[in-house]
Amino acid sequence: MDLIYIDGNSLTLQQVIKIARENTKVKIADKAVEKVNKSRKYVDEIVEKEKVVYGITTGFGKFSNVVISKNEVEELQVSLIKSHACGVGNHFPIEVVRAIMLLRVNALTKGYSGIRLSTLNTLVEMINKGVHPAIPEKGSLGSSGDLAPLAHMVLVMIGEGEAYYDNNLISGKEAMKRANITPIRLTAKEGLALINGTQVLTAVGALATYDAINLAKLADISAALTFEALRGITDVFDEKVHLVRNHIGQMECAKNMLNILDGSLLTTRQGDIRVQDPYSLRCLPQIHGASKDAINYVLDKVNKEINAVTDNPVVFPDEDEVISCGNFHGQPMALSFDFLGIALAELANSAERRIERLVNPSLSELPAFLTEKGGLNSGFMIAQYTAASLVSENKVLAHPASVDSIPSSGNQEDHVSMGSIAARKARDILYNTTRVIAIELLTASQAVEFTDPNKLGQGTKIAYNIVREDVKKLLEDRIMYVDIEKVIKLVDNNKILNEVENIIGELL
């Protein structure tokens, strides 16, 4: 049985995917146990001595100047969770909830939060036994962390709230009972330790980032198929062109295109048919490459954040210090996920323009809307409408959330990140973009029927064949959404990308 050990420092995005989507079990690494216990012992000493320390013996936010006696610290933590569980909207998908719980466990195992090991093990047990708290998507400002949604997670830990168990939504108390997990009784600092972090926005954005990496590769494949249908000029992918500009993503995209198109008898050289292609073909490395660079920037931030301490206060037992700080502030990830959304939107923008060139007879030598009996049949006319609609929606969603801020907690928290909104927007843009790429794959597969599919390059031939396994050539109008959904499934399960990479090697 697969088991991933959590130590707070070495979690990878690939491991997050395995735990969130493949239900791989987790265990706290032995080397992390000592750190957790040392931090907890230090918090207990603070409570016993009744030192005034934010979040341990004081109220929260604007109430940070209110001192709490040691007899009330447990009540303080429970009140915190109940009062902060203010989320609204649809519940996060189970894979996101699992990622949220995992990332919070990983952060707490670093030993700077002051939580008890037994409490941490309860959260691990919930992951392993499939108790998934019902966490509403909306309500976080992304500072102080993701307070509201994480409070919904903790409600289930104390036997309150709601949870999904065996795909059924039931009370948190009943879910814990069915899974044979004993609800916890929060003690000093624990409520705050569990909810004061960026794990909700990071979980949503991390999953989107993983999918964006794959989608950017697939976008090269779909673009290559269109490139052949339009008899594109391959000179633009010459390595010399891209070395003199020296952007990594641009160079990688050009290499991908040459690799995917290798062996093609449909592409042309400069001057064979025309001197230049339109920008959506000629500038593919520049457009897709810029998105690849942006996605890799976000990936670097995700890799840092999933192994970061995002608490307040931060407990340093070795230094005999508890520092009230701002590590919960989601701005580093808010900016990153806004950037991710923009990068994905641009992949869709360029794909839609290529779809338009495929269906518009004034822009190519192909039949209007890729049907031989135009007028009687509309062919791919409305498929382009759908792509245009998705692209337009992306442009609205791509407006950055991170530039907004509304003061909260009596103006004590006077600048917030809106990082959870940025992450959810990036996820929604990803959804739309996958659909646009699917429509391009479907449309380009139809377009090459008017040339010769046997002349496709090594990568595009694989993609075309996979599409044709599920969707036959369009001879006369049929219900189009059925075809589109079939290709969307191929995109979502990475079948085309995986098959192409299995044959021609990993794309960049």
Protein backbone atom coordinates (compact mmCIF):
# COMPACT_ATOMS: atom_id res chain seq x y z
CA MET A 1 0.00 0.00 0.00
CA ASP A 2 1.31 3.44 -0.93
CA LEU A 3 2.06 5.70 2.03
CA ILE A 4 3.43 9.22 1.94
CA TYR A 5 5.32 10.52 4.98
CA ILE A 6 4.69 14.12 5.95
CA ASP A 7 7.50 16.11 7.56
CA GLY A 8 6.63 19.73 6.75
CA ASN A 9 9.55 20.29 4.44
CA SER A 10 9.58 17.92 1.49
CA LEU A 11 6.01 17.71 0.18
CA THR A 12 5.85 17.83 -3.62
CA LEU A 13 3.04 18.86 -5.93
CA GLN A 14 3.00 15.34 -7.36
CA GLN A 15 2.43 13.96 -3.85
CA VAL A 16 -0.39 16.47 -3.31
CA ILE A 17 -2.04 15.12 -6.46
CA LYS A 18 -1.66 11.50 -5.35
CA ILE A 19 -3.20 12.20 -1.94
CA ALA A 20 -5.94 14.53 -3.21
CA ARG A 21 -7.00 12.58 -6.30
CA GLU A 22 -5.78 9.03 -5.77
CA ASN A 23 -6.56 8.76 -2.03
CA THR A 24 -3.00 7.80 -1.11
CA LYS A 25 -2.67 7.54 2.67
CA VAL A 26 -0.38 9.71 4.79
CA LYS A 27 1.60 9.43 8.02
CA ILE A 28 3.53 11.99 10.05
CA ALA A 29 7.26 11.31 9.77
CA ASP A 30 9.05 10.37 12.98
CA LYS A 31 11.47 13.29 12.65
CA ALA A 32 8.54 15.73 12.73
CA VAL A 33 7.02 14.30 15.93
CA GLU A 34 9.75 15.70 18.16
CA LYS A 35 9.32 19.20 16.71
CA VAL A 36 5.55 19.11 17.21
CA ASN A 37 5.87 17.93 20.82
CA LYS A 38 8.53 20.50 21.69
CA SER A 39 6.40 23.33 20.31
CA ARG A 40 3.36 22.10 22.23
CA LYS A 41 5.26 21.84 25.50
CA TYR A 42 6.33 25.45 25.11
CA VAL A 43 2.71 26.60 24.57
CA ASP A 44 1.61 24.72 27.70
CA GLU A 45 4.26 26.57 29.69
CA ILE A 46 2.98 29.91 28.40
CA VAL A 47 -0.56 29.07 29.50
CA GLU A 48 0.54 27.82 32.89
CA LYS A 49 2.55 30.99 33.54
CA GLU A 50 -0.30 33.12 32.12
CA LYS A 51 2.01 35.06 29.84
CA VAL A 52 0.23 37.50 27.54
CA VAL A 53 0.73 36.05 24.06
CA TYR A 54 -1.52 36.75 21.09
CA GLY A 55 -3.90 33.92 20.23
CA ILE A 56 -2.87 31.86 23.24
CA THR A 57 -3.93 34.02 26.14
CA THR A 58 -5.60 36.87 24.23
CA GLY A 59 -8.55 37.34 21.93
CA PHE A 60 -8.23 37.58 18.17
CA GLY A 61 -8.04 40.38 15.61
CA LYS A 62 -9.44 43.57 17.10
CA PHE A 63 -9.78 41.70 20.41
CA SER A 64 -6.05 41.05 20.64
CA ASN A 65 -5.87 43.41 23.63
CA VAL A 66 -8.32 41.29 25.64
CA VAL A 67 -6.46 38.95 28.02
CA ILE A 68 -7.91 35.47 28.55
CA SER A 69 -7.35 33.56 31.78
CA LYS A 70 -5.91 30.04 31.71
CA ASN A 71 -9.29 28.71 32.81
CA GLU A 72 -10.87 30.10 29.65
CA VAL A 73 -8.30 29.22 26.98
CA GLU A 74 -10.11 26.06 25.89
CA GLU A 75 -13.44 27.88 25.60
CA LEU A 76 -11.63 30.57 23.60
CA GLN A 77 -10.51 28.06 20.97
CA VAL A 78 -13.95 26.47 20.56
CA SER A 79 -15.60 29.89 20.33
CA LEU A 80 -13.07 30.82 17.67
CA ILE A 81 -14.02 27.88 15.46
CA LYS A 82 -17.77 28.31 15.84
CA SER A 83 -17.72 32.05 15.23
CA HIS A 84 -15.38 31.85 12.25
CA ALA A 85 -17.30 29.15 10.36
CA CYS A 86 -19.09 31.68 8.16
CA GLY A 87 -18.53 30.24 4.69
CA VAL A 88 -21.16 30.38 1.96
CA GLY A 89 -21.62 28.91 -1.50
CA ASN A 90 -21.08 25.48 -2.99
CA HIS A 91 -18.84 23.04 -1.18
CA PHE A 92 -15.33 22.50 -2.48
CA PRO A 93 -14.86 19.24 -4.43
CA ILE A 94 -13.50 16.34 -2.38
CA GLU A 95 -10.08 16.53 -4.07
CA VAL A 96 -9.72 20.14 -2.96
CA VAL A 97 -10.81 19.30 0.60
CA ARG A 98 -8.24 16.50 0.77
CA ALA A 99 -5.56 18.89 -0.47
CA ILE A 100 -6.60 21.47 2.13
CA MET A 101 -6.34 18.97 4.98
CA LEU A 102 -3.03 17.67 3.69
CA LEU A 103 -1.45 21.10 3.38
CA ARG A 104 -2.59 22.06 6.89
CA VAL A 105 -1.10 18.86 8.28
CA ASN A 106 2.15 19.54 6.47
CA ALA A 107 2.36 23.09 7.80
CA LEU A 108 1.64 22.00 11.36
CA THR A 109 4.25 19.23 11.31
CA LYS A 110 6.96 21.87 10.89
CA GLY A 111 6.71 22.46 14.64
CA TYR A 112 6.05 26.20 14.78
CA SER A 113 2.34 26.12 15.60
CA GLY A 114 2.04 24.69 19.11
CA ILE A 115 -0.58 22.07 18.27
CA ARG A 116 -0.81 18.72 20.05
CA LEU A 117 0.36 15.65 18.17
CA SER A 118 -2.93 13.91 19.01
CA THR A 119 -4.90 16.69 17.33
CA LEU A 120 -2.70 16.53 14.28
CA ASN A 121 -3.12 12.75 14.11
CA THR A 122 -6.89 13.19 14.12
CA LEU A 123 -6.65 15.25 10.95
CA VAL A 124 -4.39 12.60 9.41
CA GLU A 125 -6.91 9.93 10.37
CA MET A 126 -9.68 11.89 8.65
CA ILE A 127 -7.63 12.01 5.44
CA ASN A 128 -6.89 8.29 5.57
CA LYS A 129 -10.44 7.22 6.43
CA GLY A 130 -12.20 9.52 4.01
CA VAL A 131 -13.95 11.95 6.34
CA HIS A 132 -14.12 15.07 4.19
CA PRO A 133 -15.49 18.23 5.84
CA ALA A 134 -18.08 20.18 3.88
CA ILE A 135 -16.21 23.43 3.22
CA PRO A 136 -18.03 26.28 1.44
CA GLU A 137 -16.02 27.88 -1.35
CA LYS A 138 -16.64 31.50 -0.43
CA GLY A 139 -15.86 33.60 2.62
CA SER A 140 -12.08 33.90 2.82
CA LEU A 141 -10.15 37.15 2.46
CA GLY A 142 -6.86 35.31 2.15
CA SER A 143 -5.64 37.11 5.32
CA SER A 144 -5.57 36.21 8.17
CA GLY A 145 -5.18 33.10 6.12
CA ASP A 146 -8.31 31.21 5.09
CA LEU A 147 -10.09 31.58 8.41
CA ALA A 148 -13.70 30.87 7.43
CA PRO A 149 -13.22 27.79 5.24
CA LEU A 150 -10.63 26.25 7.57
CA ALA A 151 -13.02 26.74 10.48
CA HIS A 152 -15.50 24.51 8.64
CA MET A 153 -12.76 21.87 8.48
CA VAL A 154 -12.19 22.08 12.21
CA LEU A 155 -15.92 21.90 13.02
CA VAL A 156 -15.88 18.27 11.93
CA MET A 157 -12.79 17.60 14.03
CA ILE A 158 -14.75 18.65 17.14
CA GLY A 159 -17.83 16.67 16.11
CA GLU A 160 -19.75 19.60 14.65
CA GLY A 161 -20.55 20.82 11.13
CA GLU A 162 -21.06 18.55 8.13
CA ALA A 163 -18.89 16.13 6.20
CA TYR A 164 -18.91 13.85 3.19
CA TYR A 165 -18.42 10.19 4.05
CA ASP A 166 -18.91 7.42 1.49
CA ASN A 167 -20.15 10.13 -0.89
CA ASN A 168 -22.97 11.10 1.49
CA LEU A 169 -23.33 14.48 3.19
CA ILE A 170 -24.00 13.85 6.88
CA SER A 171 -23.33 15.57 10.18
CA GLY A 172 -19.72 15.86 11.24
CA LYS A 173 -20.48 13.95 14.40
CA GLU A 174 -21.99 11.04 12.46
CA ALA A 175 -19.14 11.01 9.93
CA MET A 176 -16.55 10.74 12.67
CA LYS A 177 -18.58 8.00 14.37
CA ARG A 178 -18.88 5.93 11.16
CA ALA A 179 -15.16 6.27 10.55
CA ASN A 180 -14.42 5.34 14.17
CA ILE A 181 -12.56 8.59 14.83
CA THR A 182 -12.87 10.29 18.23
CA PRO A 183 -13.61 14.04 17.95
CA ILE A 184 -11.03 16.26 19.61
CA ARG A 185 -11.31 18.73 22.48
CA LEU A 186 -9.38 21.86 21.50
CA THR A 187 -6.88 23.27 23.98
CA ALA A 188 -4.82 26.46 24.04
CA LYS A 189 -3.67 27.78 20.63
CA GLU A 190 -5.04 24.78 18.72
CA GLY A 191 -8.07 26.39 17.12
CA LEU A 192 -5.97 29.25 15.83
CA ALA A 193 -3.20 26.86 14.73
CA LEU A 194 -5.70 24.93 12.63
CA ILE A 195 -7.31 27.85 10.83
CA ASN A 196 -4.67 30.56 10.52
CA GLY A 197 -3.01 29.69 7.22
CA THR A 198 -3.21 29.90 3.43
CA GLN A 199 -3.96 26.24 2.84
CA VAL A 200 -7.37 26.69 1.20
CA LEU A 201 -6.26 29.15 -1.46
CA THR A 202 -3.02 27.22 -1.94
CA ALA A 203 -4.83 23.89 -2.33
CA VAL A 204 -7.16 25.26 -5.00
CA GLY A 205 -4.32 26.98 -6.82
CA ALA A 206 -1.91 24.05 -6.53
CA LEU A 207 -4.33 21.66 -8.22
CA ALA A 208 -4.97 24.24 -10.94
CA THR A 209 -1.23 24.72 -11.42
CA TYR A 210 -0.65 20.99 -11.89
CA ASP A 211 -3.40 20.87 -14.50
CA ALA A 212 -2.13 24.04 -16.16
CA ILE A 213 1.29 22.46 -16.74
CA ASN A 214 -0.32 19.60 -18.65
CA LEU A 215 -2.76 21.86 -20.49
CA ALA A 216 0.06 24.10 -21.75
CA LYS A 217 1.68 21.03 -23.32
CA LEU A 218 -1.61 19.91 -24.84
CA ALA A 219 -2.13 23.40 -26.23
CA ASP A 220 1.06 22.90 -28.25
CA ILE A 221 -0.40 19.67 -29.66
CA SER A 222 -3.75 21.22 -30.58
CA ALA A 223 -1.99 24.23 -32.10
CA ALA A 224 0.24 21.91 -34.15
CA LEU A 225 -2.80 20.13 -35.56
CA THR A 226 -4.28 23.48 -36.61
CA PHE A 227 -0.87 24.50 -37.96
CA GLU A 228 -0.89 21.57 -40.36
CA ALA A 229 -4.49 22.09 -41.42
CA LEU A 230 -3.54 25.66 -42.39
CA ARG A 231 -0.24 24.62 -44.04
CA GLY A 232 1.83 26.62 -41.55
CA ILE A 233 5.43 27.74 -42.15
CA THR A 234 7.85 25.87 -39.87
CA ASP A 235 10.77 28.30 -40.30
CA VAL A 236 9.35 30.23 -37.33
CA PHE A 237 10.36 27.37 -35.02
CA ASP A 238 14.04 27.50 -36.00
CA GLU A 239 16.15 27.34 -32.84
CA LYS A 240 18.27 30.33 -33.92
CA VAL A 241 15.23 32.60 -33.81
CA HIS A 242 14.49 31.78 -30.20
CA LEU A 243 18.05 31.67 -28.89
CA VAL A 244 18.53 35.31 -29.80
CA ARG A 245 15.54 36.29 -27.66
CA ASN A 246 16.44 33.84 -24.87
CA HIS A 247 13.10 33.24 -23.12
CA ILE A 248 12.94 29.68 -21.79
CA GLY A 249 9.24 29.07 -22.43
CA GLN A 250 9.53 30.39 -25.97
CA MET A 251 12.45 28.08 -26.72
CA GLU A 252 10.66 25.12 -25.19
CA CYS A 253 7.51 25.72 -27.21
CA ALA A 254 9.47 25.95 -30.46
CA LYS A 255 11.19 22.64 -29.65
CA ASN A 256 7.83 21.08 -28.86
CA MET A 257 6.36 22.22 -32.16
CA LEU A 258 9.22 20.81 -34.20
CA ASN A 259 9.04 17.55 -32.27
CA ILE A 260 5.26 17.22 -32.61
CA LEU A 261 5.34 18.13 -36.31
CA ASP A 262 8.33 15.96 -37.18
CA GLY A 263 7.65 14.00 -40.36
CA SER A 264 4.72 16.15 -41.44
CA LEU A 265 4.06 16.48 -45.16
CA LEU A 266 1.46 19.20 -44.59
CA THR A 267 3.64 21.98 -43.23
CA THR A 268 5.42 24.39 -45.55
CA ARG A 269 8.60 26.45 -45.67
CA GLN A 270 8.94 30.18 -46.01
CA GLY A 271 7.94 31.20 -49.55
CA ASP A 272 6.45 27.85 -50.58
CA ILE A 273 2.88 29.12 -50.41
CA ARG A 274 3.24 32.44 -48.61
CA VAL A 275 5.96 34.43 -46.89
CA GLN A 276 4.31 34.86 -43.49
CA ASP A 277 1.59 33.26 -41.40
CA PRO A 278 -0.80 35.20 -39.16
CA TYR A 279 0.30 35.84 -35.60
CA SER A 280 -1.77 33.00 -34.08
CA LEU A 281 0.47 30.61 -36.03
CA ARG A 282 3.70 32.53 -36.51
CA CYS A 283 3.94 33.68 -32.89
CA LEU A 284 3.02 30.38 -31.24
CA PRO A 285 6.35 30.08 -29.36
CA GLN A 286 6.09 33.65 -28.12
CA ILE A 287 2.46 33.31 -26.98
CA HIS A 288 2.50 29.79 -25.55
CA GLY A 289 6.03 30.26 -24.26
CA ALA A 290 5.05 33.29 -22.21
CA SER A 291 2.26 31.27 -20.59
CA LYS A 292 4.68 28.42 -19.88
CA ASP A 293 7.06 30.82 -18.16
CA ALA A 294 4.21 32.25 -16.10
CA ILE A 295 3.02 28.79 -15.07
CA ASN A 296 6.54 27.80 -14.04
CA TYR A 297 6.79 30.97 -11.95
CA VAL A 298 3.57 30.00 -10.18
CA LEU A 299 4.82 26.43 -9.73
CA ASP A 300 7.87 27.75 -7.88
CA LYS A 301 5.61 29.73 -5.54
CA VAL A 302 3.35 26.72 -4.98
CA ASN A 303 6.32 24.50 -4.13
CA LYS A 304 7.44 27.04 -1.53
CA GLU A 305 4.00 27.65 -0.04
CA ILE A 306 3.00 24.00 0.41
CA ASN A 307 6.03 23.63 2.70
CA ALA A 308 5.75 26.99 4.45
CA VAL A 309 4.84 28.19 7.95
CA THR A 310 1.78 30.41 7.51
CA ASP A 311 0.70 30.79 11.14
CA ASN A 312 0.28 33.71 13.45
CA PRO A 313 1.73 33.75 16.01
CA VAL A 314 4.78 31.64 15.13
CA VAL A 315 6.18 29.61 18.02
CA PHE A 316 9.97 29.37 18.37
CA PRO A 317 10.54 27.13 21.41
CA ASP A 318 14.32 26.96 20.98
CA GLU A 319 14.54 30.75 21.08
CA ASP A 320 11.92 31.07 23.86
CA GLU A 321 9.90 33.36 21.60
CA VAL A 322 6.41 33.63 20.17
CA ILE A 323 6.30 36.24 17.40
CA SER A 324 3.05 37.72 16.19
CA CYS A 325 3.60 38.28 12.49
CA GLY A 326 1.96 38.22 9.06
CA ASN A 327 2.92 34.88 7.52
CA PHE A 328 -0.78 34.15 7.05
CA HIS A 329 -1.01 36.91 4.44
CA GLY A 330 -1.86 35.37 1.09
CA GLN A 331 -0.37 38.07 -1.14
CA PRO A 332 2.48 35.95 -2.55
CA MET A 333 -0.03 33.38 -3.75
CA ALA A 334 -2.76 35.87 -4.67
CA LEU A 335 -0.47 37.56 -7.18
CA SER A 336 0.72 34.17 -8.42
CA PHE A 337 -2.76 32.77 -8.99
CA ASP A 338 -3.90 35.94 -10.72
CA PHE A 339 -0.89 35.46 -13.00
CA LEU A 340 -1.85 31.81 -13.53
CA GLY A 341 -5.34 32.84 -14.61
CA ILE A 342 -3.98 35.36 -17.09
CA ALA A 343 -1.53 32.81 -18.53
CA LEU A 344 -4.31 30.27 -19.03
CA ALA A 345 -6.63 32.86 -20.55
CA GLU A 346 -3.99 33.62 -23.17
CA LEU A 347 -3.77 29.97 -24.17
CA ALA A 348 -7.51 30.08 -24.80
CA ASN A 349 -7.31 33.42 -26.61
CA SER A 350 -4.83 32.17 -29.17
CA ALA A 351 -6.64 28.83 -29.60
CA GLU A 352 -9.93 30.57 -30.35
CA ARG A 353 -8.25 32.73 -33.00
CA ARG A 354 -6.90 29.58 -34.64
CA ILE A 355 -10.37 28.01 -34.54
CA GLU A 356 -11.70 31.10 -36.32
CA ARG A 357 -9.10 30.71 -39.04
CA LEU A 358 -10.11 27.09 -39.52
CA VAL A 359 -13.84 27.80 -39.96
CA ASN A 360 -13.67 31.15 -41.79
CA PRO A 361 -13.21 30.61 -45.57
CA SER A 362 -11.92 34.16 -46.02
CA LEU A 363 -8.96 33.26 -43.79
CA SER A 364 -8.10 29.85 -45.27
CA GLU A 365 -8.64 27.65 -48.29
CA LEU A 366 -10.87 25.28 -46.31
CA PRO A 367 -14.63 24.92 -46.83
CA ALA A 368 -16.77 27.36 -44.85
CA PHE A 369 -17.26 26.04 -41.31
CA LEU A 370 -15.60 22.80 -42.38
CA THR A 371 -18.68 21.30 -44.02
CA GLU A 372 -19.01 20.20 -47.64
CA LYS A 373 -22.70 21.13 -47.83
CA GLY A 374 -22.73 24.63 -46.41
CA GLY A 375 -26.16 26.17 -46.04
CA LEU A 376 -27.90 22.88 -45.52
CA ASN A 377 -25.33 22.19 -42.81
CA SER A 378 -23.77 24.67 -40.38
CA GLY A 379 -20.79 22.48 -39.58
CA PHE A 380 -18.48 24.01 -36.96
CA MET A 381 -20.06 27.46 -37.04
CA ILE A 382 -21.42 27.37 -33.49
CA ALA A 383 -18.47 25.47 -32.06
CA GLN A 384 -16.52 28.65 -32.68
CA TYR A 385 -19.30 30.62 -30.94
CA THR A 386 -18.82 28.48 -27.85
CA ALA A 387 -15.06 28.99 -27.88
CA ALA A 388 -15.58 32.74 -28.27
CA SER A 389 -18.00 32.75 -25.34
CA LEU A 390 -15.56 30.92 -23.09
CA VAL A 391 -12.73 33.25 -24.08
CA SER A 392 -14.86 36.29 -23.38
CA GLU A 393 -15.77 34.94 -19.95
CA ASN A 394 -12.09 34.33 -19.26
CA LYS A 395 -11.34 37.98 -19.96
CA VAL A 396 -13.76 38.98 -17.22
CA LEU A 397 -12.37 36.38 -14.82
CA ALA A 398 -8.76 37.40 -15.55
CA HIS A 399 -9.23 40.74 -13.80
CA PRO A 400 -6.87 40.40 -10.81
CA ALA A 401 -8.36 39.79 -7.39
CA SER A 402 -5.11 40.71 -5.63
CA VAL A 403 -5.43 44.42 -6.41
CA ASP A 404 -8.55 44.60 -4.25
CA SER A 405 -8.65 44.90 -0.47
CA ILE A 406 -11.45 45.58 2.02
CA PRO A 407 -10.44 46.28 5.63
CA SER A 408 -11.77 43.84 8.23
CA SER A 409 -11.78 43.19 11.98
CA GLY A 410 -12.37 46.81 12.95
CA ASN A 411 -9.64 47.96 10.54
CA GLN A 412 -7.02 45.95 12.44
CA GLU A 413 -6.71 43.86 9.30
CA ASP A 414 -6.59 46.79 6.91
CA HIS A 415 -5.05 45.06 3.89
CA VAL A 416 -6.08 41.60 2.75
CA SER A 417 -5.01 39.52 -0.26
CA MET A 418 -8.24 38.11 -1.72
CA GLY A 419 -6.03 35.13 -2.57
CA SER A 420 -8.81 32.56 -2.36
CA ILE A 421 -10.73 34.49 -5.03
CA ALA A 422 -7.61 34.59 -7.22
CA ALA A 423 -7.21 30.82 -6.86
CA ARG A 424 -10.84 30.06 -7.61
CA LYS A 425 -10.75 32.36 -10.65
CA ALA A 426 -7.66 30.59 -11.95
CA ARG A 427 -9.47 27.26 -11.53
CA ASP A 428 -12.50 28.59 -13.44
CA ILE A 429 -10.31 29.96 -16.23
CA LEU A 430 -8.59 26.58 -16.40
CA TYR A 431 -11.98 24.92 -16.83
CA ASN A 432 -12.92 27.23 -19.69
CA THR A 433 -9.54 26.91 -21.36
CA THR A 434 -9.65 23.12 -21.37
CA ARG A 435 -12.93 23.40 -23.27
CA VAL A 436 -11.48 25.79 -25.83
CA ILE A 437 -8.50 23.49 -26.41
CA ALA A 438 -10.89 20.55 -26.79
CA ILE A 439 -12.86 22.48 -29.41
CA GLU A 440 -9.64 23.28 -31.26
CA LEU A 441 -8.64 19.61 -31.29
CA LEU A 442 -12.06 18.65 -32.63
CA THR A 443 -12.12 21.43 -35.21
CA ALA A 444 -8.56 20.84 -36.41
CA SER A 445 -9.22 17.12 -36.74
CA GLN A 446 -12.12 17.96 -39.05
CA ALA A 447 -9.99 20.46 -40.97
CA VAL A 448 -7.25 17.97 -41.82
CA GLU A 449 -9.89 15.74 -43.42
CA PHE A 450 -9.76 18.21 -46.32
CA THR A 451 -6.03 17.57 -46.78
CA ASP A 452 -4.67 14.13 -45.91
CA PRO A 453 -4.51 12.85 -42.31
CA ASN A 454 -1.89 10.31 -43.37
CA LYS A 455 0.53 13.19 -43.92
CA LEU A 456 0.36 14.44 -40.32
CA GLY A 457 3.44 14.75 -38.13
CA GLN A 458 4.40 12.14 -35.55
CA GLY A 459 2.67 13.86 -32.63
CA THR A 460 -0.36 15.27 -34.40
CA LYS A 461 -1.10 11.91 -36.02
CA ILE A 462 -1.41 10.37 -32.55
CA ALA A 463 -3.73 13.16 -31.39
CA TYR A 464 -5.85 12.92 -34.53
CA ASN A 465 -6.19 9.14 -34.23
CA ILE A 466 -7.26 9.36 -30.58
CA VAL A 467 -9.91 11.96 -31.42
CA ARG A 468 -11.15 9.82 -34.30
CA GLU A 469 -11.50 6.78 -32.03
CA ASP A 470 -14.34 8.59 -30.27
CA VAL A 471 -15.52 11.14 -32.83
CA LYS A 472 -15.91 10.36 -36.51
CA LYS A 473 -15.50 12.82 -39.36
CA LEU A 474 -18.45 15.19 -39.65
CA LEU A 475 -20.25 14.50 -42.93
CA GLU A 476 -23.52 16.23 -42.07
CA ASP A 477 -24.80 18.10 -39.04
CA ARG A 478 -25.27 16.13 -35.84
CA ILE A 479 -25.64 17.04 -32.17
CA MET A 480 -22.32 18.81 -31.62
CA TYR A 481 -22.17 18.98 -27.84
CA VAL A 482 -21.87 15.19 -27.75
CA ASP A 483 -18.72 15.35 -29.87
CA ILE A 484 -17.34 18.23 -27.82
CA GLU A 485 -17.92 16.39 -24.54
CA LYS A 486 -16.09 13.33 -25.84
CA VAL A 487 -13.01 15.38 -26.65
CA ILE A 488 -13.26 17.27 -23.34
CA LYS A 489 -13.03 13.91 -21.61
CA LEU A 490 -9.87 13.12 -23.58
CA VAL A 491 -8.42 16.45 -22.44
CA ASP A 492 -9.44 16.08 -18.80
CA ASN A 493 -7.98 12.59 -18.44
CA ASN A 494 -4.77 13.57 -20.28
CA LYS A 495 -5.20 10.66 -22.72
CA ILE A 496 -3.97 12.60 -25.74
CA LEU A 497 -1.02 14.16 -23.91
CA ASN A 498 0.02 10.87 -22.32
CA GLU A 499 -0.13 8.96 -25.60
CA VAL A 500 1.83 11.62 -27.47
CA GLU A 501 4.52 11.73 -24.77
CA ASN A 502 4.70 7.93 -24.65
CA ILE A 503 5.56 7.83 -28.34
CA ILE A 504 7.60 10.97 -29.06
CA GLY A 505 9.00 11.80 -25.61
CA GLU A 506 8.14 14.26 -22.86
CA LEU A 507 7.08 17.70 -24.02
CA LEU A 508 8.51 20.83 -22.41
